[in-house]
Amino acid sequence: MNNINVKGTGVISTKAYVETNYQSQFKAWVNSLPTKSSNIYSKSISAMEWYPVEEAYYYPLRHIADRFHDGDERKAGLEVGRFSANFGLKGVYKVFLMIATPQALMRASKRIISVYFSNTEVKIDDVKKKSLVLSCTRVFTSNELFDYRTIGWCVRALELANCKEVKFSLVKPRYSKMFSVELSWN
Protein backbone atom coordinates (compact mmCIF):
# COMPACT_ATOMS: atom_id res chain seq x y z
CA MET A 1 0.00 0.00 0.00
CA ASN A 2 2.75 2.47 0.99
CA ASN A 3 5.97 2.82 2.97
CA ILE A 4 4.55 4.80 5.87
CA ASN A 5 4.90 3.54 9.42
CA VAL A 6 3.01 4.61 12.53
CA LYS A 7 4.54 5.01 15.98
CA GLY A 8 3.15 2.73 18.69
CA THR A 9 1.54 5.67 20.47
CA GLY A 10 -0.97 6.03 17.62
CA VAL A 11 -1.65 2.31 17.65
CA ILE A 12 -2.20 2.40 21.43
CA SER A 13 -4.88 5.09 21.08
CA THR A 14 -6.71 3.03 18.44
CA LYS A 15 -6.68 0.02 20.74
CA ALA A 16 -7.84 2.18 23.66
CA TYR A 17 -10.70 3.57 21.54
CA VAL A 18 -12.15 0.10 21.01
CA GLU A 19 -11.41 -1.06 24.57
CA THR A 20 -13.08 2.04 26.03
CA ASN A 21 -16.09 2.36 23.74
CA TYR A 22 -16.78 -1.27 22.82
CA GLN A 23 -15.25 -3.20 25.70
CA SER A 24 -17.54 -6.23 25.37
CA GLN A 25 -16.72 -6.50 21.66
CA PHE A 26 -12.98 -5.84 21.88
CA LYS A 27 -11.87 -9.46 21.64
CA ALA A 28 -14.21 -10.15 18.69
CA TRP A 29 -12.89 -7.02 16.96
CA VAL A 30 -9.26 -8.15 17.41
CA ASN A 31 -10.15 -11.64 16.14
CA SER A 32 -11.87 -10.16 13.06
CA LEU A 33 -8.67 -8.41 11.96
CA PRO A 34 -6.24 -9.91 9.42
CA THR A 35 -3.58 -12.03 11.12
CA LYS A 36 -0.80 -9.40 11.10
CA SER A 37 -3.14 -6.75 12.52
CA SER A 38 -4.57 -9.14 15.08
CA ASN A 39 -1.03 -10.01 16.22
CA ILE A 40 -0.33 -6.31 16.83
CA TYR A 41 -3.56 -5.61 18.75
CA SER A 42 -3.65 -8.80 20.81
CA LYS A 43 -0.29 -8.10 22.46
CA SER A 44 1.24 -5.26 24.41
CA ILE A 45 2.01 -2.37 22.05
CA SER A 46 5.31 -0.53 22.45
CA ALA A 47 4.82 3.24 22.32
CA MET A 48 8.27 3.68 20.77
CA GLU A 49 8.12 0.95 18.12
CA TRP A 50 7.20 1.61 14.49
CA TYR A 51 4.41 -0.45 12.92
CA PRO A 52 3.43 -0.79 9.25
CA VAL A 53 0.52 1.58 8.66
CA GLU A 54 -1.54 -0.91 6.66
CA GLU A 55 -1.59 -3.55 9.42
CA ALA A 56 -1.61 -1.15 12.37
CA TYR A 57 -4.02 1.50 11.03
CA TYR A 58 -5.79 0.71 7.79
CA TYR A 59 -7.30 -2.69 8.62
CA PRO A 60 -8.12 -1.80 12.25
CA LEU A 61 -9.81 1.47 11.20
CA ARG A 62 -11.65 -0.29 8.38
CA HIS A 63 -12.93 -2.90 10.87
CA ILE A 64 -13.92 -0.15 13.34
CA ALA A 65 -15.94 1.49 10.56
CA ASP A 66 -17.57 -1.80 9.53
CA ARG A 67 -18.26 -3.20 12.99
CA PHE A 68 -19.20 -0.11 14.99
CA HIS A 69 -20.23 2.57 12.47
CA ASP A 70 -22.20 0.71 9.78
CA GLY A 71 -19.30 1.02 7.33
CA ASP A 72 -19.18 4.83 7.65
CA GLU A 73 -15.45 5.59 7.24
CA ARG A 74 -15.97 9.32 7.76
CA LYS A 75 -17.71 8.84 11.10
CA ALA A 76 -15.24 6.17 12.26
CA GLY A 77 -12.21 8.28 11.32
CA LEU A 78 -13.58 11.39 13.02
CA GLU A 79 -14.52 9.49 16.19
CA VAL A 80 -11.17 7.70 16.49
CA GLY A 81 -9.33 10.97 15.78
CA ARG A 82 -11.30 12.84 18.44
CA PHE A 83 -10.65 10.03 20.93
CA SER A 84 -6.95 10.06 20.05
CA ALA A 85 -6.71 13.81 20.78
CA ASN A 86 -8.42 13.31 24.15
CA PHE A 87 -6.16 10.34 24.84
CA GLY A 88 -2.88 11.95 23.77
CA LEU A 89 -3.16 15.61 24.68
CA LYS A 90 -2.45 15.24 28.37
CA GLY A 91 0.44 16.18 30.63
CA VAL A 92 2.76 18.71 28.98
CA TYR A 93 0.43 19.01 26.00
CA LYS A 94 -2.47 19.96 28.29
CA VAL A 95 -0.54 23.00 29.55
CA PHE A 96 0.30 23.89 25.95
CA LEU A 97 -3.40 23.71 25.04
CA MET A 98 -4.23 26.25 27.73
CA ILE A 99 -1.72 28.86 26.56
CA ALA A 100 -1.33 28.29 22.82
CA THR A 101 -3.23 30.14 20.14
CA PRO A 102 -5.19 27.90 17.77
CA GLN A 103 -2.73 28.74 15.01
CA ALA A 104 0.24 27.76 17.19
CA LEU A 105 -1.55 24.53 18.12
CA MET A 106 -2.06 23.60 14.47
CA ARG A 107 1.56 24.48 13.67
CA ALA A 108 2.56 22.16 16.53
CA SER A 109 0.33 19.49 15.00
CA LYS A 110 2.77 19.47 12.07
CA ARG A 111 5.48 18.27 14.43
CA ILE A 112 3.16 15.89 16.27
CA ILE A 113 1.99 14.20 13.06
CA SER A 114 5.54 13.88 11.74
CA VAL A 115 6.65 12.29 15.03
CA TYR A 116 3.89 9.67 14.85
CA PHE A 117 4.02 8.88 11.13
CA SER A 118 7.10 8.27 9.00
CA ASN A 119 7.28 9.70 5.49
CA THR A 120 4.40 12.15 5.94
CA GLU A 121 4.27 15.87 5.45
CA VAL A 122 1.96 18.53 6.87
CA LYS A 123 1.59 22.09 5.62
CA ILE A 124 -0.37 24.98 7.13
CA ASP A 125 -1.62 27.69 4.74
CA ASP A 126 -4.01 30.65 4.70
CA VAL A 127 -3.64 31.29 8.41
CA LYS A 128 -6.25 33.82 9.55
CA LYS A 129 -7.56 34.89 12.93
CA LYS A 130 -10.26 32.19 13.04
CA SER A 131 -9.28 29.71 10.33
CA LEU A 132 -6.47 27.98 8.47
CA VAL A 133 -5.94 25.30 5.86
CA LEU A 134 -4.10 22.13 6.85
CA SER A 135 -2.73 19.82 4.16
CA CYS A 136 -1.40 16.37 5.01
CA THR A 137 0.00 13.40 3.13
CA ARG A 138 -2.82 11.16 1.90
CA VAL A 139 -1.80 7.88 3.55
CA PHE A 140 -4.41 5.67 1.90
CA THR A 141 -5.21 6.54 -1.70
CA SER A 142 -8.18 4.17 -1.83
CA ASN A 143 -10.17 5.81 0.98
CA GLU A 144 -10.23 8.69 3.43
CA LEU A 145 -9.95 6.86 6.77
CA PHE A 146 -6.64 8.46 7.73
CA ASP A 147 -7.78 11.85 6.43
CA TYR A 148 -10.82 11.84 8.70
CA ARG A 149 -8.86 10.50 11.66
CA THR A 150 -6.44 13.42 11.26
CA ILE A 151 -9.31 15.89 10.88
CA GLY A 152 -11.05 14.48 13.98
CA TRP A 153 -7.83 14.86 15.95
CA CYS A 154 -7.38 18.48 14.82
CA VAL A 155 -11.00 19.42 15.53
CA ARG A 156 -10.85 17.96 19.04
CA ALA A 157 -7.44 19.53 19.73
CA LEU A 158 -8.88 22.94 18.82
CA GLU A 159 -11.88 22.29 21.08
CA LEU A 160 -9.53 21.34 23.92
CA ALA A 161 -7.77 24.67 23.32
CA ASN A 162 -11.12 26.36 24.04
CA CYS A 163 -12.05 27.11 20.43
CA LYS A 164 -15.82 27.21 20.02
CA GLU A 165 -17.92 25.93 17.13
CA VAL A 166 -14.99 24.23 15.38
CA LYS A 167 -15.89 23.31 11.82
CA PHE A 168 -14.06 21.69 8.96
CA SER A 169 -14.53 21.40 5.25
CA LEU A 170 -12.47 19.49 2.75
CA VAL A 171 -11.03 21.79 0.12
CA LYS A 172 -9.28 21.12 -3.15
CA PRO A 173 -5.86 19.65 -2.34
CA ARG A 174 -3.14 22.23 -2.73
CA TYR A 175 -0.31 19.73 -3.04
CA SER A 176 0.19 16.46 -4.88
CA LYS A 177 -0.55 13.31 -2.84
CA MET A 178 -2.08 15.32 0.01
CA PHE A 179 -5.56 16.15 1.28
CA SER A 180 -6.47 19.67 2.42
CA VAL A 181 -9.00 20.72 5.02
CA GLU A 182 -10.09 24.17 6.13
CA LEU A 183 -10.51 24.40 9.90
CA SER A 184 -12.46 27.32 11.37
CA TRP A 185 -13.70 28.32 14.80
CA ASN A 186 -15.35 31.15 16.72
C-alpha atoms as a PDB file:
ATOM      1  CA  MET A   1       0.000   0.000   0.000  1.00  0.00           C
ATOM      2  CA  ASN A   2       2.751   2.465   0.988  1.00  0.00           C
ATOM      3  CA  ASN A   3       5.970   2.819   2.966  1.00  0.00           C
ATOM      4  CA  ILE A   4       4.546   4.801   5.872  1.00  0.00           C
ATOM      5  CA  ASN A   5       4.899   3.536   9.424  1.00  0.00           C
ATOM      6  CA  VAL A   6       3.014   4.607  12.533  1.00  0.00           C
ATOM      7  CA  LYS A   7       4.540   5.014  15.981  1.00  0.00           C
ATOM      8  CA  GLY A   8       3.153   2.726  18.688  1.00  0.00           C
ATOM      9  CA  THR A   9       1.539   5.671  20.468  1.00  0.00           C
ATOM     10  CA  GLY A  10      -0.966   6.026  17.622  1.00  0.00           C
ATOM     11  CA  VAL A  11      -1.654   2.314  17.652  1.00  0.00           C
ATOM     12  CA  ILE A  12      -2.198   2.398  21.430  1.00  0.00           C
ATOM     13  CA  SER A  13      -4.882   5.089  21.083  1.00  0.00           C
ATOM     14  CA  THR A  14      -6.708   3.031  18.436  1.00  0.00           C
ATOM     15  CA  LYS A  15      -6.683   0.025  20.736  1.00  0.00           C
ATOM     16  CA  ALA A  16      -7.838   2.180  23.664  1.00  0.00           C
ATOM     17  CA  TYR A  17     -10.696   3.568  21.537  1.00  0.00           C
ATOM     18  CA  VAL A  18     -12.154   0.095  21.011  1.00  0.00           C
ATOM     19  CA  GLU A  19     -11.410  -1.062  24.574  1.00  0.00           C
ATOM     20  CA  THR A  20     -13.082   2.044  26.031  1.00  0.00           C
ATOM     21  CA  ASN A  21     -16.093   2.361  23.743  1.00  0.00           C
ATOM     22  CA  TYR A  22     -16.778  -1.271  22.817  1.00  0.00           C
ATOM     23  CA  GLN A  23     -15.250  -3.195  25.701  1.00  0.00           C
ATOM     24  CA  SER A  24     -17.536  -6.226  25.374  1.00  0.00           C
ATOM     25  CA  GLN A  25     -16.717  -6.499  21.662  1.00  0.00           C
ATOM     26  CA  PHE A  26     -12.978  -5.839  21.878  1.00  0.00           C
ATOM     27  CA  LYS A  27     -11.866  -9.464  21.638  1.00  0.00           C
ATOM     28  CA  ALA A  28     -14.207 -10.154  18.695  1.00  0.00           C
ATOM     29  CA  TRP A  29     -12.888  -7.024  16.959  1.00  0.00           C
ATOM     30  CA  VAL A  30      -9.263  -8.150  17.406  1.00  0.00           C
ATOM     31  CA  ASN A  31     -10.154 -11.636  16.143  1.00  0.00           C
ATOM     32  CA  SER A  32     -11.871 -10.164  13.062  1.00  0.00           C
ATOM     33  CA  LEU A  33      -8.670  -8.410  11.958  1.00  0.00           C
ATOM     34  CA  PRO A  34      -6.241  -9.911   9.422  1.00  0.00           C
ATOM     35  CA  THR A  35      -3.575 -12.028  11.122  1.00  0.00           C
ATOM     36  CA  LYS A  36      -0.796  -9.404  11.102  1.00  0.00           C
ATOM     37  CA  SER A  37      -3.138  -6.748  12.516  1.00  0.00           C
ATOM     38  CA  SER A  38      -4.566  -9.141  15.078  1.00  0.00           C
ATOM     39  CA  ASN A  39      -1.032 -10.008  16.218  1.00  0.00           C
ATOM     40  CA  ILE A  40      -0.333  -6.307  16.826  1.00  0.00           C
ATOM     41  CA  TYR A  41      -3.562  -5.612  18.748  1.00  0.00           C
ATOM     42  CA  SER A  42      -3.651  -8.805  20.813  1.00  0.00           C
ATOM     43  CA  LYS A  43      -0.289  -8.098  22.459  1.00  0.00           C
ATOM     44  CA  SER A  44       1.244  -5.258  24.413  1.00  0.00           C
ATOM     45  CA  ILE A  45       2.015  -2.373  22.053  1.00  0.00           C
ATOM     46  CA  SER A  46       5.308  -0.533  22.450  1.00  0.00           C
ATOM     47  CA  ALA A  47       4.825   3.240  22.318  1.00  0.00           C
ATOM     48  CA  MET A  48       8.269   3.680  20.769  1.00  0.00           C
ATOM     49  CA  GLU A  49       8.123   0.948  18.123  1.00  0.00           C
ATOM     50  CA  TRP A  50       7.202   1.606  14.488  1.00  0.00           C
ATOM     51  CA  TYR A  51       4.407  -0.451  12.925  1.00  0.00           C
ATOM     52  CA  PRO A  52       3.430  -0.785   9.249  1.00  0.00           C
ATOM     53  CA  VAL A  53       0.516   1.583   8.661  1.00  0.00           C
ATOM     54  CA  GLU A  54      -1.536  -0.905   6.660  1.00  0.00           C
ATOM     55  CA  GLU A  55      -1.592  -3.548   9.416  1.00  0.00           C
ATOM     56  CA  ALA A  56      -1.614  -1.151  12.367  1.00  0.00           C
ATOM     57  CA  TYR A  57      -4.017   1.501  11.028  1.00  0.00           C
ATOM     58  CA  TYR A  58      -5.788   0.714   7.785  1.00  0.00           C
ATOM     59  CA  TYR A  59      -7.296  -2.686   8.621  1.00  0.00           C
ATOM     60  CA  PRO A  60      -8.120  -1.804  12.246  1.00  0.00           C
ATOM     61  CA  LEU A  61      -9.807   1.466  11.197  1.00  0.00           C
ATOM     62  CA  ARG A  62     -11.646  -0.293   8.377  1.00  0.00           C
ATOM     63  CA  HIS A  63     -12.925  -2.902  10.867  1.00  0.00           C
ATOM     64  CA  ILE A  64     -13.920  -0.154  13.338  1.00  0.00           C
ATOM     65  CA  ALA A  65     -15.941   1.487  10.564  1.00  0.00           C
ATOM     66  CA  ASP A  66     -17.570  -1.798   9.527  1.00  0.00           C
ATOM     67  CA  ARG A  67     -18.261  -3.203  12.992  1.00  0.00           C
ATOM     68  CA  PHE A  68     -19.196  -0.111  14.994  1.00  0.00           C
ATOM     69  CA  HIS A  69     -20.230   2.571  12.468  1.00  0.00           C
ATOM     70  CA  ASP A  70     -22.196   0.708   9.777  1.00  0.00           C
ATOM     71  CA  GLY A  71     -19.296   1.019   7.329  1.00  0.00           C
ATOM     72  CA  ASP A  72     -19.178   4.830   7.654  1.00  0.00           C
ATOM     73  CA  GLU A  73     -15.454   5.595   7.241  1.00  0.00           C
ATOM     74  CA  ARG A  74     -15.972   9.318   7.764  1.00  0.00           C
ATOM     75  CA  LYS A  75     -17.711   8.838  11.104  1.00  0.00           C
ATOM     76  CA  ALA A  76     -15.241   6.172  12.256  1.00  0.00           C
ATOM     77  CA  GLY A  77     -12.209   8.277  11.321  1.00  0.00           C
ATOM     78  CA  LEU A  78     -13.581  11.387  13.018  1.00  0.00           C
ATOM     79  CA  GLU A  79     -14.518   9.486  16.194  1.00  0.00           C
ATOM     80  CA  VAL A  80     -11.166   7.700  16.488  1.00  0.00           C
ATOM     81  CA  GLY A  81      -9.327  10.966  15.775  1.00  0.00           C
ATOM     82  CA  ARG A  82     -11.303  12.835  18.442  1.00  0.00           C
ATOM     83  CA  PHE A  83     -10.654  10.032  20.928  1.00  0.00           C
ATOM     84  CA  SER A  84      -6.947  10.060  20.046  1.00  0.00           C
ATOM     85  CA  ALA A  85      -6.713  13.806  20.778  1.00  0.00           C
ATOM     86  CA  ASN A  86      -8.424  13.313  24.155  1.00  0.00           C
ATOM     87  CA  PHE A  87      -6.160  10.344  24.839  1.00  0.00           C
ATOM     88  CA  GLY A  88      -2.883  11.947  23.771  1.00  0.00           C
ATOM     89  CA  LEU A  89      -3.158  15.610  24.684  1.00  0.00           C
ATOM     90  CA  LYS A  90      -2.445  15.239  28.373  1.00  0.00           C
ATOM     91  CA  GLY A  91       0.436  16.182  30.629  1.00  0.00           C
ATOM     92  CA  VAL A  92       2.760  18.709  28.983  1.00  0.00           C
ATOM     93  CA  TYR A  93       0.434  19.006  26.002  1.00  0.00           C
ATOM     94  CA  LYS A  94      -2.469  19.964  28.292  1.00  0.00           C
ATOM     95  CA  VAL A  95      -0.544  23.003  29.545  1.00  0.00           C
ATOM     96  CA  PHE A  96       0.299  23.892  25.946  1.00  0.00           C
ATOM     97  CA  LEU A  97      -3.400  23.708  25.043  1.00  0.00           C
ATOM     98  CA  MET A  98      -4.230  26.248  27.730  1.00  0.00           C
ATOM     99  CA  ILE A  99      -1.715  28.855  26.559  1.00  0.00           C
ATOM    100  CA  ALA A 100      -1.331  28.293  22.817  1.00  0.00           C
ATOM    101  CA  THR A 101      -3.227  30.144  20.140  1.00  0.00           C
ATOM    102  CA  PRO A 102      -5.193  27.895  17.773  1.00  0.00           C
ATOM    103  CA  GLN A 103      -2.731  28.737  15.008  1.00  0.00           C
ATOM    104  CA  ALA A 104       0.237  27.755  17.185  1.00  0.00           C
ATOM    105  CA  LEU A 105      -1.547  24.532  18.116  1.00  0.00           C
ATOM    106  CA  MET A 106      -2.055  23.602  14.467  1.00  0.00           C
ATOM    107  CA  ARG A 107       1.562  24.484  13.674  1.00  0.00           C
ATOM    108  CA  ALA A 108       2.557  22.164  16.526  1.00  0.00           C
ATOM    109  CA  SER A 109       0.331  19.487  14.996  1.00  0.00           C
ATOM    110  CA  LYS A 110       2.769  19.471  12.066  1.00  0.00           C
ATOM    111  CA  ARG A 111       5.481  18.270  14.430  1.00  0.00           C
ATOM    112  CA  ILE A 112       3.160  15.889  16.272  1.00  0.00           C
ATOM    113  CA  ILE A 113       1.990  14.204  13.062  1.00  0.00           C
ATOM    114  CA  SER A 114       5.544  13.879  11.736  1.00  0.00           C
ATOM    115  CA  VAL A 115       6.653  12.292  15.032  1.00  0.00           C
ATOM    116  CA  TYR A 116       3.890   9.670  14.851  1.00  0.00           C
ATOM    117  CA  PHE A 117       4.021   8.883  11.125  1.00  0.00           C
ATOM    118  CA  SER A 118       7.095   8.272   9.001  1.00  0.00           C
ATOM    119  CA  ASN A 119       7.282   9.701   5.485  1.00  0.00           C
ATOM    120  CA  THR A 120       4.405  12.155   5.938  1.00  0.00           C
ATOM    121  CA  GLU A 121       4.265  15.865   5.447  1.00  0.00           C
ATOM    122  CA  VAL A 122       1.955  18.531   6.870  1.00  0.00           C
ATOM    123  CA  LYS A 123       1.585  22.090   5.623  1.00  0.00           C
ATOM    124  CA  ILE A 124      -0.371  24.984   7.125  1.00  0.00           C
ATOM    125  CA  ASP A 125      -1.622  27.690   4.744  1.00  0.00           C
ATOM    126  CA  ASP A 126      -4.012  30.645   4.698  1.00  0.00           C
ATOM    127  CA  VAL A 127      -3.641  31.291   8.409  1.00  0.00           C
ATOM    128  CA  LYS A 128      -6.245  33.816   9.548  1.00  0.00           C
ATOM    129  CA  LYS A 129      -7.562  34.891  12.929  1.00  0.00           C
ATOM    130  CA  LYS A 130     -10.258  32.185  13.041  1.00  0.00           C
ATOM    131  CA  SER A 131      -9.276  29.707  10.332  1.00  0.00           C
ATOM    132  CA  LEU A 132      -6.466  27.980   8.474  1.00  0.00           C
ATOM    133  CA  VAL A 133      -5.940  25.302   5.858  1.00  0.00           C
ATOM    134  CA  LEU A 134      -4.097  22.132   6.849  1.00  0.00           C
ATOM    135  CA  SER A 135      -2.725  19.818   4.156  1.00  0.00           C
ATOM    136  CA  CYS A 136      -1.396  16.372   5.012  1.00  0.00           C
ATOM    137  CA  THR A 137      -0.003  13.402   3.129  1.00  0.00           C
ATOM    138  CA  ARG A 138      -2.821  11.162   1.897  1.00  0.00           C
ATOM    139  CA  VAL A 139      -1.798   7.881   3.552  1.00  0.00           C
ATOM    140  CA  PHE A 140      -4.408   5.666   1.897  1.00  0.00           C
ATOM    141  CA  THR A 141      -5.207   6.542  -1.702  1.00  0.00           C
ATOM    142  CA  SER A 142      -8.178   4.166  -1.826  1.00  0.00           C
ATOM    143  CA  ASN A 143     -10.165   5.812   0.976  1.00  0.00           C
ATOM    144  CA  GLU A 144     -10.232   8.692   3.433  1.00  0.00           C
ATOM    145  CA  LEU A 145      -9.949   6.861   6.774  1.00  0.00           C
ATOM    146  CA  PHE A 146      -6.638   8.462   7.728  1.00  0.00           C
ATOM    147  CA  ASP A 147      -7.779  11.850   6.429  1.00  0.00           C
ATOM    148  CA  TYR A 148     -10.820  11.841   8.701  1.00  0.00           C
ATOM    149  CA  ARG A 149      -8.856  10.499  11.663  1.00  0.00           C
ATOM    150  CA  THR A 150      -6.436  13.415  11.260  1.00  0.00           C
ATOM    151  CA  ILE A 151      -9.313  15.889  10.884  1.00  0.00           C
ATOM    152  CA  GLY A 152     -11.052  14.479  13.984  1.00  0.00           C
ATOM    153  CA  TRP A 153      -7.825  14.863  15.951  1.00  0.00           C
ATOM    154  CA  CYS A 154      -7.379  18.481  14.817  1.00  0.00           C
ATOM    155  CA  VAL A 155     -11.003  19.418  15.532  1.00  0.00           C
ATOM    156  CA  ARG A 156     -10.846  17.955  19.038  1.00  0.00           C
ATOM    157  CA  ALA A 157      -7.438  19.532  19.729  1.00  0.00           C
ATOM    158  CA  LEU A 158      -8.885  22.938  18.822  1.00  0.00           C
ATOM    159  CA  GLU A 159     -11.881  22.289  21.084  1.00  0.00           C
ATOM    160  CA  LEU A 160      -9.525  21.344  23.922  1.00  0.00           C
ATOM    161  CA  ALA A 161      -7.769  24.665  23.317  1.00  0.00           C
ATOM    162  CA  ASN A 162     -11.121  26.362  24.035  1.00  0.00           C
ATOM    163  CA  CYS A 163     -12.046  27.111  20.434  1.00  0.00           C
ATOM    164  CA  LYS A 164     -15.819  27.206  20.019  1.00  0.00           C
ATOM    165  CA  GLU A 165     -17.916  25.932  17.128  1.00  0.00           C
ATOM    166  CA  VAL A 166     -14.992  24.235  15.383  1.00  0.00           C
ATOM    167  CA  LYS A 167     -15.893  23.306  11.825  1.00  0.00           C
ATOM    168  CA  PHE A 168     -14.058  21.687   8.963  1.00  0.00           C
ATOM    169  CA  SER A 169     -14.528  21.404   5.248  1.00  0.00           C
ATOM    170  CA  LEU A 170     -12.471  19.486   2.755  1.00  0.00           C
ATOM    171  CA  VAL A 171     -11.033  21.788   0.121  1.00  0.00           C
ATOM    172  CA  LYS A 172      -9.285  21.116  -3.152  1.00  0.00           C
ATOM    173  CA  PRO A 173      -5.862  19.654  -2.335  1.00  0.00           C
ATOM    174  CA  ARG A 174      -3.140  22.233  -2.734  1.00  0.00           C
ATOM    175  CA  TYR A 175      -0.306  19.734  -3.040  1.00  0.00           C
ATOM    176  CA  SER A 176       0.190  16.464  -4.883  1.00  0.00           C
ATOM    177  CA  LYS A 177      -0.555  13.311  -2.840  1.00  0.00           C
ATOM    178  CA  MET A 178      -2.083  15.323   0.008  1.00  0.00           C
ATOM    179  CA  PHE A 179      -5.558  16.148   1.283  1.00  0.00           C
ATOM    180  CA  SER A 180      -6.468  19.671   2.422  1.00  0.00           C
ATOM    181  CA  VAL A 181      -9.003  20.724   5.020  1.00  0.00           C
ATOM    182  CA  GLU A 182     -10.092  24.167   6.128  1.00  0.00           C
ATOM    183  CA  LEU A 183     -10.514  24.396   9.898  1.00  0.00           C
ATOM    184  CA  SER A 184     -12.458  27.321  11.368  1.00  0.00           C
ATOM    185  CA  TRP A 185     -13.695  28.317  14.801  1.00  0.00           C
ATOM    186  CA  ASN A 186     -15.352  31.153  16.715  1.00  0.00           C
END
